[in-house]
């Protein structure tokens, strides 16, 4: 079992910044992909960014150049630095860890990010 605990959400004005953190605990294996997804009201959950254990990253087009994902493997923690936020970024942000078909994936409980105009 893997537990993911997110922190760092909140209310910010358009143009502002926030940093999300997600700490993983439990059965963490060395090869995995950690990432952030978000779900706005009335919309499907969508990928924001992922980073694998080697440090390779992947971003949604809508956040490229504004968001930066990073991780600390020693702490099993993934971060999402969000800059130049706009109201369209308002959503519940979920942390995810995917450890492949053998070990499965887990989700955090979500953290609310609200960007006011």
Protein backbone atom coordinates (compact mmCIF):
# COMPACT_ATOMS: atom_id res chain seq x y z
CA UNK A 1 0.00 0.00 0.00
CA UNK A 2 1.08 3.53 -0.78
CA UNK A 3 -0.13 6.67 0.93
CA UNK A 4 0.14 10.07 -0.74
CA UNK A 5 -0.27 13.26 1.24
CA UNK A 6 -0.59 16.53 -0.68
CA UNK A 7 -0.10 20.03 0.64
CA UNK A 8 0.29 23.56 -0.63
CA UNK A 9 -3.04 24.32 -2.26
CA UNK A 10 -4.95 27.50 -1.60
CA UNK A 11 -6.33 30.71 -2.99
CA UNK A 12 -4.15 32.94 -5.14
CA UNK A 13 -4.71 35.88 -7.46
CA UNK A 14 -4.22 35.60 -11.19
CA UNK A 15 -0.56 35.93 -12.05
CA UNK A 16 0.51 34.50 -8.72
CA UNK A 17 2.37 31.36 -7.77
CA UNK A 18 1.85 28.29 -5.62
CA UNK A 19 3.93 25.25 -4.80
CA UNK A 20 2.32 21.87 -4.25
CA UNK A 21 4.04 19.02 -2.44
CA UNK A 22 3.18 15.34 -2.27
CA UNK A 23 4.90 12.94 0.09
CA UNK A 24 4.63 9.23 -0.58
CA UNK A 25 5.00 6.55 2.06
CA UNK A 26 4.55 2.80 2.25
CA UNK A 27 5.66 0.34 -0.41
CA UNK A 28 7.67 2.62 -2.69
CA UNK A 29 9.82 0.96 -5.33
CA UNK A 30 12.77 2.57 -7.05
CA UNK A 31 11.20 2.61 -10.51
CA UNK A 32 8.07 4.73 -10.65
CA UNK A 33 6.39 7.71 -12.19
CA UNK A 34 4.97 10.42 -9.99
CA UNK A 35 2.70 13.10 -11.26
CA UNK A 36 0.01 15.68 -10.81
CA UNK A 37 -3.46 15.63 -12.29
CA UNK A 38 -6.29 18.06 -11.86
CA UNK A 39 -10.05 18.08 -12.07
CA UNK A 40 -12.11 21.22 -12.49
CA UNK A 41 -15.84 21.26 -11.70
CA UNK A 42 -17.81 19.52 -14.42
CA UNK A 43 -14.69 18.34 -16.22
CA UNK A 44 -12.73 15.13 -16.44
CA UNK A 45 -9.52 14.63 -14.55
CA UNK A 46 -6.56 15.62 -16.72
CA UNK A 47 -2.82 15.20 -16.63
CA UNK A 48 -0.80 18.21 -15.53
CA UNK A 49 2.73 16.86 -15.34
CA UNK A 50 4.66 13.68 -14.62
CA UNK A 51 8.22 12.86 -13.69
CA UNK A 52 9.84 9.46 -13.61
CA UNK A 53 12.43 8.21 -11.17
CA UNK A 54 15.16 9.16 -13.65
CA UNK A 55 13.97 12.74 -13.79
CA UNK A 56 12.33 12.79 -17.21
CA UNK A 57 9.32 15.08 -17.30
CA UNK A 58 6.13 15.43 -19.28
CA UNK A 59 3.75 18.40 -19.24
CA UNK A 60 0.32 19.20 -20.50
CA UNK A 61 0.48 21.80 -23.25
CA UNK A 62 -1.62 24.22 -21.18
CA UNK A 63 0.97 24.41 -18.39
CA UNK A 64 4.25 24.23 -20.31
CA UNK A 65 6.49 27.13 -19.43
CA UNK A 66 4.43 27.99 -16.34
CA UNK A 67 4.60 24.87 -14.18
CA UNK A 68 7.65 22.90 -13.11
CA UNK A 69 7.54 19.40 -11.67
CA UNK A 70 10.42 18.04 -9.61
CA UNK A 71 11.06 15.26 -7.15
CA UNK A 72 13.28 14.29 -4.26
CA UNK A 73 13.78 10.54 -4.49
CA UNK A 74 15.36 10.37 -1.05
CA UNK A 75 12.17 11.82 0.43
CA UNK A 76 9.75 10.14 -2.00
CA UNK A 77 8.30 13.58 -2.57
CA UNK A 78 7.14 15.28 -5.74
CA UNK A 79 6.64 19.01 -6.15
CA UNK A 80 4.72 21.19 -8.56
CA UNK A 81 5.81 24.80 -8.81
CA UNK A 82 3.03 26.76 -10.46
CA UNK A 83 3.59 30.27 -11.79
CA UNK A 84 1.60 32.74 -13.85
CA UNK A 85 -1.58 31.13 -12.60
CA UNK A 86 -4.86 32.01 -14.26
CA UNK A 87 -8.49 31.23 -13.36
CA UNK A 88 -8.48 28.29 -15.78
CA UNK A 89 -5.99 26.58 -13.46
CA UNK A 90 -8.63 26.40 -10.72
CA UNK A 91 -9.18 22.74 -9.86
CA UNK A 92 -8.56 20.02 -7.34
CA UNK A 93 -5.01 18.82 -7.87
CA UNK A 94 -4.29 15.16 -7.27
CA UNK A 95 -0.95 13.48 -6.74
CA UNK A 96 -0.36 10.12 -8.38
CA UNK A 97 2.28 7.43 -8.24
CA UNK A 98 2.41 4.69 -10.84
CA UNK A 99 4.63 1.72 -10.13
CA UNK A 100 3.69 -0.38 -13.11
CA UNK A 101 1.44 -3.36 -13.60
CA UNK A 102 2.95 -5.34 -10.76
CA UNK A 103 2.71 -2.72 -8.03
CA UNK A 104 -0.13 -0.57 -9.33
CA UNK A 105 -0.87 3.07 -8.79
CA UNK A 106 -2.18 5.24 -5.98
CA UNK A 107 -3.84 8.64 -5.67
CA UNK A 108 -3.73 11.35 -3.07
CA UNK A 109 -6.85 12.89 -1.58
CA UNK A 110 -6.50 16.06 -3.62
CA UNK A 111 -5.78 19.68 -2.77
CA UNK A 112 -7.84 22.63 -3.93
CA UNK A 113 -6.21 25.37 -5.98
CA UNK A 114 -8.35 28.43 -6.64
CA UNK A 115 -7.15 31.29 -8.81
CA UNK A 116 -9.15 34.50 -8.61
CA UNK A 117 -9.30 37.00 -11.45
